[in-house]
Amino acid sequence: MLDLESAAKSPSKLRQLRLLGEIYRESQDWDRRQVPTAGLYNEGHPWGLDVSALRSDFNALMSAGWIYFEASAGGIDEVLITQEGIDAAEEFQKGRSNPRQRASALRVALLNWLYDQYLSGEEPKDFAPFKASAEGKYLGLGYRDEEISRAAKSLLDKGYIQVWSPVSGNLSSPRITANGIDIVELTESADEARKPEGMTVNNFNIRDSHSMNFALNSPGAVQSNALTAEQIDEARKVGNLLRDVKPVLGLSDDRLEEADQVIAELEEETASVEPKVGRLKTLLFKVIEVAATGTAQSAVQVVTSMAQSAIDGIG
């Protein structure tokens, strides 16, 4: 099985997999496994290959058992793609086209790109610079406009970015928010920055949180007389935050199971018709108890402070 996560972080491995993919495509075009290299040399640049590195990449692919060739004095004229090479190429193509993996990686890449723009003082007019950047590709395959729009709207809904959406529907003037900055810096502090699966986007705000009408998402529901919509929403956000940062908290296996349990119970209680004050406070205290055992102090502080704020808000 290919280690696509490792390939995404290694320019040389990604370059070699892209070359393997082109060899496989050429073999399909020629309807044979023996592929002449002239096309790779002549058209490699438009295909996104590094022609200057082809010989070393051919050697790397042969060492992996994915291709075979015999070099002559004039160079490498043909390569034979092996069955293992075909399997690897198909796995690579499937992985880089996987909608879920692409969507998850795109949300992280887009948020990190906007964070970099913020640090450099840049104010992009749209997402065109992102598409042209290294971050605008997943395993070498560029993101489509509709993918970027969908990811941007998701981050906008979660309060991580701001973006203008004029009548034309084209998103413009994207900016990272204080909440987006918090989550990027939090993951960086835990040495998990820019990890494709390292961030699951959920609806929570660390600061300047906004209230919501709880009953809007529960047709026919009756609001609790004891708890306001904002109090319920803040408790719900604590559970979402714990879910987001759980991978970077540094919890033991036992505590991870407890975290999953309290997240599920918080979600259930805040979604009920009449959440109970005592039950919510107990669960929030449990969040603090579980998170406090983590080793990533910055993440621990964010979770425990938000949980304590929610408790104080309930009274």
Foldseek 3Di string as FASTA:
>chain_A
DDPLLVLQVDVLSLLLLLVLLVLLVQCVVVVHQKHFCPCCLVCVVVSPHDNVCVQVSVVVCVVVVQWDFDADPVGTGIIGGDPVSNVSNVVLVCVQPPPVLVLLLLLQLVLVVLVVCVVVVHFFFACVVVQVDPSQGRSNHGDDPVSNLVSLVLCVQQQQWDWDQDPVRGTTRIHGDPQSVLVQVLCVLLVNRSRSNLFDRDRAGLPPDDFDDLCVVPPPFDEAPLDDRRLLVLLLRLLVLCVGCVVRQAADPVLSVVNVVLSVVSVVQSNDSHRDLVVSLVSLVSQLVSSVPGDSVVSSVSSNVSSVVSNVVSD
